Amino acid sequence: MKEVYNFMQDDLNNNDVMVLDCYSTLYMWMGKKANKPERTKAIKKVEAYVQGIADERDKKNVQYVEIDPCSEPFQFTTHFPEWEEEVSQKWLEMDPYQAELARIEAEKQAAFDAKWKKEEVKYEETGATFSYEELKTIAKEEVPLKLENTEMFDSINPEEANQTA
């Protein structure tokens, strides 16, 4: 642990666990981005800190209070000159790198959704009906010349086609 003199609200590091020693109460401010091992070891480090202090306090009656960002009690904030709620709101903001990743992912999803919407419209039923002769003509015009068996449309018997439908 490192002591900070003349501390201010801006000294609270969202990537760490910060400790405020108020003699009979020790506040452990758990930064939102503090890693799990750091959070779980905080109480043991604070207890070791209290045992190592050579002052007159009753070490058995010291209170340990865990605090999450943006839920600081008045008893904690009163020790900071000029505490501002607006400053504490920045601790809830997303990391700029993570925000950019989320924006890129949203753009990719929007492009994907737009493509599929376009494909759905492309193959949407029009309700149009065609006669056998029209289909024969369309098929001959649209089938590439390189393909074999383009004559297959000529070999279909219209009466057999009507029976299977």
Protein backbone atom coordinates (compact mmCIF):
# COMPACT_ATOMS: atom_id res chain seq x y z
CA MET A 1 0.00 0.00 0.00
CA LYS A 2 1.10 3.50 -0.81
CA GLU A 3 -0.05 6.52 1.17
CA VAL A 4 -1.54 9.44 -0.74
CA TYR A 5 -1.25 12.86 0.88
CA ASN A 6 -3.80 15.61 0.18
CA PHE A 7 -6.00 13.08 -1.56
CA MET A 8 -8.92 14.07 -3.75
CA GLN A 9 -11.77 12.28 -5.48
CA ASP A 10 -9.71 12.08 -8.67
CA ASP A 11 -7.12 9.99 -6.81
CA LEU A 12 -9.55 7.07 -6.66
CA ASN A 13 -8.32 4.67 -9.34
CA ASN A 14 -11.07 2.61 -10.97
CA ASN A 15 -8.54 -0.17 -11.75
CA ASP A 16 -7.61 -0.65 -8.09
CA VAL A 17 -8.84 -1.16 -4.58
CA MET A 18 -8.27 2.02 -2.61
CA VAL A 19 -8.21 2.22 1.20
CA LEU A 20 -9.24 5.21 3.28
CA ASP A 21 -8.07 4.97 6.90
CA CYS A 22 -10.43 6.91 9.18
CA TYR A 23 -8.92 5.55 12.42
CA SER A 24 -11.88 3.49 13.71
CA THR A 25 -13.18 2.66 10.22
CA LEU A 26 -11.26 1.57 7.13
CA TYR A 27 -13.09 2.02 3.84
CA MET A 28 -12.12 -0.23 0.94
CA TRP A 29 -13.24 1.44 -2.29
CA MET A 30 -13.47 -1.35 -4.89
CA GLY A 31 -12.76 0.12 -8.32
CA LYS A 32 -15.10 -1.21 -11.01
CA LYS A 33 -12.18 -2.53 -13.08
CA ALA A 34 -10.16 -3.95 -10.17
CA ASN A 35 -9.33 -7.58 -10.85
CA LYS A 36 -10.88 -10.38 -8.82
CA PRO A 37 -7.71 -11.48 -6.95
CA GLU A 38 -7.11 -7.90 -5.87
CA ARG A 39 -10.68 -7.60 -4.59
CA THR A 40 -10.55 -10.88 -2.66
CA LYS A 41 -7.16 -10.13 -1.06
CA ALA A 42 -8.12 -6.59 -0.05
CA ILE A 43 -9.55 -7.45 3.37
CA LYS A 44 -6.50 -9.54 4.34
CA LYS A 45 -4.15 -6.75 3.29
CA VAL A 46 -6.15 -4.18 5.25
CA GLU A 47 -6.20 -6.40 8.35
CA ALA A 48 -2.42 -6.84 8.07
CA TYR A 49 -2.07 -3.07 7.64
CA VAL A 50 -4.07 -2.42 10.83
CA GLN A 51 -2.03 -4.96 12.81
CA GLY A 52 1.18 -3.26 11.67
CA ILE A 53 0.12 0.22 12.77
CA ALA A 54 1.72 1.47 15.97
CA ASP A 55 -0.92 3.84 17.36
CA GLU A 56 -3.45 3.91 20.17
CA ARG A 57 -6.51 2.65 18.29
CA ASP A 58 -8.42 -0.41 19.49
CA LYS A 59 -7.54 -2.81 16.65
CA LYS A 60 -10.25 -5.29 17.65
CA ASN A 61 -13.02 -2.73 17.11
CA VAL A 62 -11.90 -1.32 13.76
CA GLN A 63 -14.68 -1.53 11.17
CA TYR A 64 -13.99 -2.60 7.59
CA VAL A 65 -16.39 -1.23 4.98
CA GLU A 66 -16.39 -2.22 1.29
CA ILE A 67 -17.66 0.45 -1.11
CA ASP A 68 -18.53 0.20 -4.80
CA PRO A 69 -18.11 3.17 -7.16
CA CYS A 70 -21.12 5.49 -7.31
CA SER A 71 -22.59 4.10 -4.10
CA GLU A 72 -20.32 5.92 -1.67
CA PRO A 73 -21.95 6.79 1.66
CA PHE A 74 -21.78 10.28 3.11
CA GLN A 75 -19.42 9.03 5.85
CA PHE A 76 -16.91 8.23 3.09
CA THR A 77 -17.39 11.24 0.78
CA THR A 78 -17.15 13.73 3.64
CA HIS A 79 -13.41 13.02 3.85
CA PHE A 80 -12.87 14.29 0.30
CA PRO A 81 -12.75 18.01 -0.37
CA GLU A 82 -15.24 18.98 -3.06
CA TRP A 83 -16.82 15.57 -3.77
CA GLU A 84 -18.77 15.76 -7.04
CA GLU A 85 -21.28 13.18 -8.25
CA GLU A 86 -20.48 14.05 -11.90
CA VAL A 87 -16.86 12.96 -11.39
CA SER A 88 -17.94 9.64 -9.92
CA GLN A 89 -20.18 8.93 -12.94
CA LYS A 90 -17.09 8.54 -15.15
CA TRP A 91 -16.26 5.35 -13.23
CA LEU A 92 -19.33 3.73 -14.76
CA GLU A 93 -18.38 4.63 -18.33
CA MET A 94 -17.13 1.91 -20.63
CA ASP A 95 -13.43 1.65 -21.36
CA PRO A 96 -12.71 3.48 -24.68
CA TYR A 97 -11.22 0.33 -26.23
CA GLN A 98 -14.23 -1.77 -25.20
CA ALA A 99 -16.57 0.97 -26.45
CA GLU A 100 -14.88 0.94 -29.87
CA LEU A 101 -15.12 -2.87 -30.05
CA ALA A 102 -18.83 -2.67 -29.21
CA ARG A 103 -19.36 0.01 -31.91
CA ILE A 104 -17.58 -2.10 -34.55
CA GLU A 105 -19.59 -5.19 -33.59
CA ALA A 106 -22.83 -3.19 -33.86
CA GLU A 107 -21.83 -1.96 -37.33
CA LYS A 108 -21.03 -5.50 -38.46
CA GLN A 109 -24.37 -6.75 -37.15
CA ALA A 110 -26.22 -3.90 -38.90
CA ALA A 111 -24.48 -4.70 -42.21
CA PHE A 112 -25.30 -8.39 -41.80
CA ASP A 113 -28.96 -7.62 -41.04
CA ALA A 114 -29.18 -5.24 -44.02
CA LYS A 115 -27.73 -7.89 -46.35
CA TRP A 116 -30.22 -10.49 -45.20
CA LYS A 117 -33.10 -8.04 -45.53
CA LYS A 118 -31.99 -7.34 -49.10
CA GLU A 119 -31.85 -11.10 -49.82
CA GLU A 120 -35.33 -11.58 -48.36
CA VAL A 121 -36.70 -8.86 -50.62
CA LYS A 122 -34.87 -10.35 -53.61
CA TYR A 123 -36.62 -13.69 -53.17
CA GLU A 124 -39.90 -12.36 -51.90
CA GLU A 125 -43.01 -13.80 -53.50
CA THR A 126 -44.47 -11.44 -56.07
CA GLY A 127 -47.71 -13.32 -56.60
CA ALA A 128 -47.07 -13.36 -60.36
CA THR A 129 -48.03 -16.46 -62.31
CA PHE A 130 -46.60 -17.61 -65.60
CA SER A 131 -47.86 -19.97 -68.24
CA TYR A 132 -45.87 -22.97 -69.34
CA GLU A 133 -44.88 -21.25 -72.61
CA GLU A 134 -43.66 -18.13 -70.74
CA LEU A 135 -41.54 -20.24 -68.39
CA LYS A 136 -40.05 -22.10 -71.37
CA THR A 137 -39.07 -18.79 -72.97
CA ILE A 138 -37.66 -17.29 -69.74
CA ALA A 139 -35.66 -20.44 -68.99
CA LYS A 140 -34.06 -20.49 -72.44
CA GLU A 141 -33.09 -16.80 -72.16
CA GLU A 142 -31.61 -16.99 -68.64
CA VAL A 143 -29.75 -20.32 -68.79
CA PRO A 144 -26.11 -19.77 -69.82
CA LEU A 145 -25.18 -21.24 -73.19
CA LYS A 146 -22.28 -23.19 -71.66
CA LEU A 147 -24.65 -25.50 -69.81
CA GLU A 148 -25.66 -28.75 -71.35
CA ASN A 149 -29.24 -30.04 -71.23
CA THR A 150 -30.82 -26.69 -72.05
CA GLU A 151 -33.13 -28.69 -74.24
CA MET A 152 -34.68 -30.28 -71.17
CA PHE A 153 -37.34 -27.60 -71.15
CA ASP A 154 -38.34 -28.60 -74.67
CA SER A 155 -38.76 -32.23 -73.61
CA ILE A 156 -41.28 -31.47 -70.82
CA ASN A 157 -44.80 -32.46 -71.74
CA PRO A 158 -47.17 -29.71 -70.48
CA GLU A 159 -49.87 -32.27 -69.70
CA GLU A 160 -47.48 -34.27 -67.47
CA ALA A 161 -46.39 -31.06 -65.71
CA ASN A 162 -50.01 -30.18 -64.91
CA GLN A 163 -50.65 -33.67 -63.50
CA THR A 164 -47.75 -33.49 -61.00
CA ALA A 165 -48.64 -30.03 -59.74
